[in-house]
Structure formats: C-alpha cells, structure tokens
Protein backbone atom coordinates (compact mmCIF):
# COMPACT_ATOMS: atom_id res chain seq x y z
CA MET A 1 -1.90 19.22 36.77
CA THR A 2 -2.08 15.75 38.31
CA THR A 3 -5.10 14.84 40.43
CA ASN A 4 -7.11 11.67 40.63
CA SER A 5 -10.86 12.13 40.91
CA LYS A 6 -11.03 8.88 42.89
CA ASP A 7 -9.18 10.63 45.73
CA PHE A 8 -12.24 12.83 46.27
CA ARG A 9 -15.02 10.41 45.41
CA VAL A 10 -17.24 8.88 48.09
CA ASP A 11 -17.66 5.19 47.32
CA GLU A 12 -21.14 3.72 47.42
CA GLY A 13 -21.85 2.38 50.91
CA GLU A 14 -18.91 4.21 52.47
CA GLU A 15 -19.47 5.65 55.94
CA VAL A 16 -18.25 9.23 55.71
CA LYS A 17 -16.41 10.87 58.61
CA LEU A 18 -15.61 14.37 57.45
CA ARG A 19 -12.79 14.87 59.96
CA LYS A 20 -10.90 12.29 57.90
CA TRP A 21 -11.40 14.25 54.68
CA PRO A 22 -9.04 17.23 54.29
CA THR A 23 -10.30 20.76 53.77
CA LYS A 24 -6.91 21.70 52.32
CA ILE A 25 -4.34 19.79 50.30
CA GLU A 26 -1.07 20.63 48.58
CA PRO A 27 -2.02 23.09 45.82
CA VAL A 28 -2.54 21.42 42.45
CA TYR A 29 -0.73 24.38 40.84
CA ARG A 30 2.67 25.97 41.51
CA SER A 31 1.82 29.61 40.89
CA LYS A 32 -1.07 31.93 40.12
CA LYS A 33 0.05 31.94 36.50
CA GLN A 34 -0.03 28.16 36.33
CA TYR A 35 -3.46 28.07 37.99
CA GLN A 36 -4.79 30.41 35.31
CA LYS A 37 -3.19 28.25 32.59
CA PHE A 38 -4.72 25.06 33.97
CA LEU A 39 -8.12 26.71 34.35
CA ARG A 40 -8.05 28.01 30.77
CA GLU A 41 -7.22 24.51 29.54
CA HIS A 42 -10.05 22.96 31.55
CA VAL A 43 -12.52 25.61 30.41
CA ALA A 44 -11.53 25.04 26.77
CA LEU A 45 -11.94 21.27 27.16
CA LEU A 46 -15.29 21.72 28.86
CA SER A 47 -16.46 24.07 26.12
CA ALA A 48 -15.55 21.49 23.47
CA GLN A 49 -17.28 18.69 25.39
CA GLN A 50 -20.36 20.85 25.88
CA GLN A 51 -20.61 21.33 22.11
CA LEU A 52 -20.49 17.56 21.65
CA LEU A 53 -23.10 17.12 24.38
CA TYR A 54 -25.41 19.61 22.67
CA ALA A 55 -24.87 18.21 19.17
CA SER A 56 -25.26 14.54 20.07
CA ASN A 57 -28.41 15.26 22.14
CA ARG A 58 -28.15 11.94 24.00
CA TYR A 59 -27.33 12.94 27.55
CA ALA A 60 -27.99 15.70 30.04
CA ILE A 61 -25.51 16.72 32.75
CA LEU A 62 -26.63 17.85 36.20
CA LEU A 63 -24.03 19.45 38.49
CA ILE A 64 -24.94 19.85 42.15
CA PHE A 65 -22.97 22.14 44.46
CA GLN A 66 -23.41 21.93 48.20
CA GLY A 67 -21.38 23.38 51.06
CA MET A 68 -21.42 25.68 54.03
CA ASP A 69 -21.76 29.44 53.55
CA ALA A 70 -18.64 30.94 51.91
CA ALA A 71 -17.45 27.52 50.70
CA GLY A 72 -16.97 28.91 47.18
CA LYS A 73 -19.98 27.53 45.33
CA ASP A 74 -20.62 30.74 43.38
CA GLY A 75 -16.95 31.16 42.51
CA ALA A 76 -16.58 27.58 41.31
CA ILE A 77 -19.60 27.90 39.05
CA LYS A 78 -18.45 31.28 37.73
CA HIS A 79 -14.87 30.24 36.94
CA VAL A 80 -15.40 26.66 35.81
CA MET A 81 -18.37 27.37 33.55
CA SER A 82 -17.02 30.64 32.13
CA GLY A 83 -16.37 29.18 28.66
CA VAL A 84 -19.59 27.23 28.23
CA ASN A 85 -22.10 28.44 25.64
CA PRO A 86 -24.98 30.02 27.62
CA GLN A 87 -27.45 28.35 25.24
CA GLY A 88 -26.38 24.98 26.57
CA CYS A 89 -26.22 25.73 30.27
CA GLN A 90 -28.60 26.89 33.01
CA VAL A 91 -27.89 27.75 36.65
CA PHE A 92 -30.50 27.57 39.40
CA SER A 93 -29.93 28.78 42.95
CA TYR A 94 -32.19 27.48 45.70
CA LYS A 95 -32.78 29.43 48.86
CA GLN A 96 -35.78 29.58 51.16
CA PRO A 97 -38.75 27.88 49.45
CA SER A 98 -41.85 29.88 48.57
CA LEU A 99 -45.28 29.20 50.04
CA ALA A 100 -46.34 27.56 46.78
CA GLU A 101 -43.27 25.30 46.79
CA LEU A 102 -44.00 24.24 50.36
CA GLN A 103 -47.36 22.85 49.20
CA HIS A 104 -45.59 20.20 47.12
CA ASP A 105 -43.31 17.28 47.89
CA PHE A 106 -39.73 18.21 48.78
CA LEU A 107 -38.35 17.31 45.34
CA TRP A 108 -40.87 19.29 43.31
CA ARG A 109 -39.23 22.71 43.11
CA THR A 110 -35.95 21.31 41.81
CA THR A 111 -37.26 18.62 39.45
CA ARG A 112 -39.04 21.37 37.51
CA ASN A 113 -35.61 22.67 36.52
CA LEU A 114 -33.86 19.47 35.49
CA PRO A 115 -31.75 19.86 32.32
CA GLU A 116 -32.92 18.68 28.93
CA ARG A 117 -30.84 16.32 26.80
CA GLY A 118 -27.88 18.18 25.38
CA GLN A 119 -27.87 20.66 28.27
CA ILE A 120 -25.79 21.20 31.42
CA GLY A 121 -27.89 22.09 34.45
CA ILE A 122 -26.30 23.50 37.59
CA PHE A 123 -27.94 23.52 41.01
CA ASN A 124 -26.37 25.95 43.48
CA ARG A 125 -27.76 24.15 46.53
CA SER A 126 -30.48 21.66 45.66
CA TYR A 127 -33.00 19.16 46.94
CA TYR A 128 -30.26 18.08 49.35
CA GLU A 129 -31.11 21.11 51.48
CA GLU A 130 -34.12 19.06 52.55
CA VAL A 131 -31.86 16.61 54.40
CA LEU A 132 -29.34 19.23 55.54
CA ILE A 133 -30.71 22.55 56.78
CA VAL A 134 -34.09 20.96 57.44
CA ARG A 135 -32.40 18.31 59.54
CA VAL A 136 -30.45 20.89 61.53
CA HIS A 137 -33.60 23.00 61.93
CA PRO A 138 -36.43 20.43 62.11
CA ASP A 139 -38.97 23.16 62.89
CA ILE A 140 -38.92 23.85 59.14
CA LEU A 141 -40.75 20.56 58.71
CA ARG A 142 -43.89 22.10 60.16
CA SER A 143 -44.08 24.53 57.25
CA GLU A 144 -43.99 21.46 54.97
CA GLY A 145 -46.91 19.88 56.75
CA PHE A 146 -44.90 17.40 58.85
CA GLN A 147 -44.51 16.95 62.56
CA SER A 148 -40.81 17.18 63.36
CA ALA A 149 -41.23 14.44 65.98
CA SER A 150 -41.98 11.94 63.22
CA PHE A 151 -38.40 12.37 61.98
CA ASP A 152 -36.72 11.92 65.36
CA ASN A 153 -36.11 8.20 64.91
CA LYS A 154 -34.32 8.81 61.58
CA THR A 155 -36.96 6.89 59.64
CA GLY A 156 -38.18 10.09 58.00
CA TRP A 157 -34.68 11.02 56.92
CA GLN A 158 -34.00 7.54 55.56
CA ASP A 159 -37.20 7.83 53.54
CA ARG A 160 -35.95 11.09 52.07
CA TYR A 161 -32.55 9.59 51.23
CA ARG A 162 -34.35 6.72 49.49
CA SER A 163 -36.52 9.16 47.51
CA ILE A 164 -33.41 11.04 46.39
CA VAL A 165 -31.53 7.90 45.36
CA ASP A 166 -34.61 6.60 43.52
CA LEU A 167 -34.89 9.91 41.64
CA GLU A 168 -31.22 9.93 40.70
CA ASN A 169 -31.35 6.31 39.52
CA HIS A 170 -34.40 7.15 37.41
CA LEU A 171 -32.59 10.13 35.88
CA TYR A 172 -29.53 8.00 35.14
CA ARG A 173 -31.62 5.38 33.35
CA ASN A 174 -33.06 8.17 31.22
CA GLY A 175 -29.77 9.76 30.18
CA THR A 176 -28.97 12.31 32.90
CA ARG A 177 -25.50 12.10 34.42
CA ILE A 178 -25.27 13.64 37.88
CA ILE A 179 -22.07 14.94 39.49
CA LYS A 180 -22.35 16.12 43.08
CA PHE A 181 -19.77 18.33 44.80
CA PHE A 182 -19.52 18.96 48.52
CA LEU A 183 -17.10 21.87 48.95
CA HIS A 184 -15.46 20.90 52.23
CA LEU A 185 -14.56 24.12 54.07
CA SER A 186 -13.00 24.42 57.52
CA LYS A 187 -14.68 26.50 60.18
CA GLU A 188 -11.56 28.66 60.50
CA GLU A 189 -11.42 29.38 56.77
CA GLN A 190 -15.10 30.32 56.84
CA ARG A 191 -14.33 32.79 59.64
CA LYS A 192 -11.60 34.39 57.52
CA ARG A 193 -13.89 34.67 54.50
CA PHE A 194 -16.64 36.26 56.58
CA LEU A 195 -14.14 38.84 57.87
CA ASP A 196 -13.07 39.50 54.29
CA ARG A 197 -16.70 40.11 53.29
CA ILE A 198 -17.06 42.62 56.12
CA ASP A 199 -13.74 44.39 55.53
CA GLN A 200 -14.15 44.84 51.77
CA PRO A 201 -17.07 47.18 50.92
CA GLU A 202 -17.60 45.57 47.51
CA LYS A 203 -18.24 42.23 49.27
CA ASN A 204 -20.55 43.55 52.01
CA TRP A 205 -23.59 42.44 50.03
CA LYS A 206 -22.46 38.81 50.37
CA PHE A 207 -22.60 38.90 54.16
CA SER A 208 -25.68 38.22 56.25
CA SER A 209 -25.96 38.19 60.02
CA ALA A 210 -27.81 34.90 59.59
CA ASP A 211 -24.51 33.39 58.42
CA ILE A 212 -23.03 33.98 61.86
CA ALA A 213 -26.05 32.44 63.55
CA GLU A 214 -25.62 29.28 61.48
CA ARG A 215 -21.99 28.89 62.62
CA LYS A 216 -23.36 27.87 66.02
CA PHE A 217 -24.73 24.74 64.37
CA TRP A 218 -21.47 23.74 62.65
CA GLU A 219 -21.20 20.31 64.26
CA GLN A 220 -24.85 19.54 63.53
CA TYR A 221 -24.31 20.46 59.89
CA MET A 222 -21.23 18.25 59.65
CA GLY A 223 -23.25 15.36 61.09
CA ALA A 224 -26.06 15.98 58.60
CA TYR A 225 -23.57 16.06 55.72
CA GLU A 226 -21.91 12.86 56.88
CA ASP A 227 -25.21 10.99 56.94
CA CYS A 228 -26.28 12.48 53.62
CA LEU A 229 -23.05 11.70 51.78
CA SER A 230 -22.98 8.18 53.19
CA ALA A 231 -26.58 7.45 52.19
CA THR A 232 -26.71 9.06 48.73
CA SER A 233 -23.34 8.58 47.03
CA THR A 234 -23.82 5.89 44.40
CA GLN A 235 -21.91 4.56 41.42
CA THR A 236 -24.30 6.34 39.08
CA ALA A 237 -24.53 9.63 41.03
CA PRO A 238 -21.37 9.98 43.13
CA TRP A 239 -20.47 12.63 45.67
CA TYR A 240 -17.06 14.28 45.51
CA VAL A 241 -15.70 15.83 48.72
CA VAL A 242 -13.57 18.70 47.41
CA PRO A 243 -11.09 20.43 49.76
CA ALA A 244 -12.33 24.03 49.64
CA ASP A 245 -9.97 26.07 51.83
CA ASP A 246 -7.94 26.84 48.69
CA LYS A 247 -10.44 28.21 46.17
CA GLU A 248 -8.14 27.86 43.17
CA SER A 249 -7.34 24.21 43.85
CA ALA A 250 -11.03 23.49 44.44
CA GLN A 251 -11.94 25.03 41.08
CA LEU A 252 -9.33 22.97 39.23
CA ILE A 253 -10.45 19.76 40.94
CA VAL A 254 -14.09 20.46 40.11
CA SER A 255 -13.39 21.36 36.49
CA GLY A 256 -11.20 18.28 36.03
CA ILE A 257 -13.90 15.95 37.37
CA ILE A 258 -16.55 17.49 35.12
CA VAL A 259 -14.36 17.20 32.01
CA ASP A 260 -13.41 13.60 32.79
CA THR A 261 -17.05 12.62 33.40
CA ILE A 262 -18.29 14.07 30.12
CA LYS A 263 -15.33 12.56 28.25
CA SER A 264 -16.26 9.15 29.63
CA LEU A 265 -19.53 9.37 27.67
CA LYS A 266 -17.47 9.11 24.45
CA LEU A 267 -19.62 11.63 22.62
CA HIS A 268 -19.24 12.42 18.94
CA PHE A 269 -20.87 14.70 16.42
CA PRO A 270 -23.79 13.06 14.57
CA LYS A 271 -22.77 11.48 11.27
CA ALA A 272 -24.85 12.16 8.18
CA ASP A 273 -26.30 9.08 6.52
CA GLY A 274 -26.07 8.52 2.77
CA LYS A 275 -29.29 10.36 1.95
CA ARG A 276 -28.36 13.34 4.10
CA ARG A 277 -24.87 13.44 2.58
CA GLN A 278 -26.30 13.53 -0.94
CA GLU A 279 -28.61 16.35 0.10
CA LEU A 280 -25.67 18.35 1.47
CA LEU A 281 -23.61 17.79 -1.68
CA SER A 282 -26.52 18.97 -3.81
CA VAL A 283 -26.82 22.16 -1.76
CA ARG A 284 -23.07 22.65 -1.95
CA ARG A 285 -23.12 22.47 -5.77
CA GLN A 286 -25.85 25.10 -5.84
CA LEU A 287 -23.85 27.40 -3.58
CA VAL A 288 -20.71 26.98 -5.67
CA LYS A 289 -22.62 28.01 -8.82
CA GLN A 290 -23.69 31.25 -7.09
CA ILE A 291 -20.12 32.57 -6.97
C-alpha cells in the first residue's frame, strides 16, 4: 500500500475549499483480499505501537472523527482499532448535549474525557460540533445561554476557533498528540448509504428521519467545515481530509496515518537501571531455585 499522509493533510493557514478535495480516489488496494491483508498489517502495527505507548507512559493520543451522517466514522473506529488492547483505549461518542452539559462552556463535556498518558482516546464527533452543527443551526446557541445574533458577524465563531486551537496547543505542550479526521463524503454516496440502511432490516436502526432533514443543509455544512478546517488545522494538531466514498480505502488511509504518527514519537520500552536490573536478577535466581 502506497499513500502519502501529506496528500490528505490540511496545512496550517490553508484556505480549504472542499470541492477541490476528492471524496473518492483510486483504491489503495487491488482486491478485497488485499484490503484485508493491508488492514491486518496496520492493525498489528497499531497494536504494537499502542503497547509501546502504554509502557512508556509519556504521551497520550487523541483521535477525532468528524463527518456527515453515514460518512463511516463508526466503521473506521471499529475496523482500525480492532486490535488495540481495550485497557489502553477509550471511545466517546458525542450527540445532543444534556441539560447539565449546556450549563458549562462548550469544551467542558469533552475535556472531561481526554485520554491519560499511555492511552488512546477516540472522539466520535467532538467539541468541533460546536462550530459545525451549532453554526448551521444557530438557534442551538440559545440553549447555551447565547444570543445567536451575537455570532452573526463571525466574531463569536472566531473566538470559538481560538479557544479550540488554544486547548489543542495546551494539550500538545503537555504530551497529548491529536490527529483529526474529516471523512469527506459526497452527497450522492450519502444518499446510497441511506437507501442501504432502509433496504436492509439489520441496518434500519442506523437510520433516522432527522438524517434526511439535515441533507437540506448540505451546503451550509460544507461551508462550516471549510471555515473550521481552515481555522483549526495546525502543525501540532492537523486535520486530514480523507476521501470517504470508498470505506475500505478510507480505513486504510486512517490507519496508516495513525501508525505513522505514533511511530514518529520514537517510543521504546522503559529500560531498567542498574539497581532495578540487580533486583530482577535476584528474583530470577530465587525462581530458578524453586524448580
């Protein structure tokens, strides 16, 4: 498999126009069998890197998945993280905030669930919803104690972007590495996936009539994503725009980026100092005598 993560990375300061970013590329695999082989290899590499992450206890990894309904967020998380030790990984899914969450600042409900050192945290949707769905539906601001009119001149949204970037810079300085994926789905492919959810009884539970209502706001969502990606992709917490019309290719791209990012940390298992080594040798001698 040959892909370059830079092909999907949004550079800091870049003005994103999503129509210029493909939703589908040439498959990064030649057959279903090869896709499964590549995925197994990536999962094995990720599992090994996760063990190093846990053992070294120096960094935390935060993976953020954003995208339109049916973009494949759940599937990417399920397939890519299938080989990771559950003790070292937690997944949080964010939907409509509770009344208690609405009484706090917009970052509060997610920052409570940030990963510890040695852990991989996964946000299926995230604090970015507060500059995406809330921007498309500004009436939501009223439930947060704001007047939507105060955001009309974009100052309010710029303030939120700044708060997000400040948070992510703070996390970086304290050992958390953030990888953000926007699964870039076409409107036509979403239509096909919705039909599939309706036609297959075992997928009916995935479909909501609200999903259809949100399709009417497609262009507004794309505009909100463009502004968000442009304002919040940084060198330390980059966005990757992953073509999502082909689920299998998207999963391989995502898994490859995660593996490469963790590898770049150059982790290693802790080495025992002289005193610790002598202690281990002493214990070993005692165990040998017990045979």
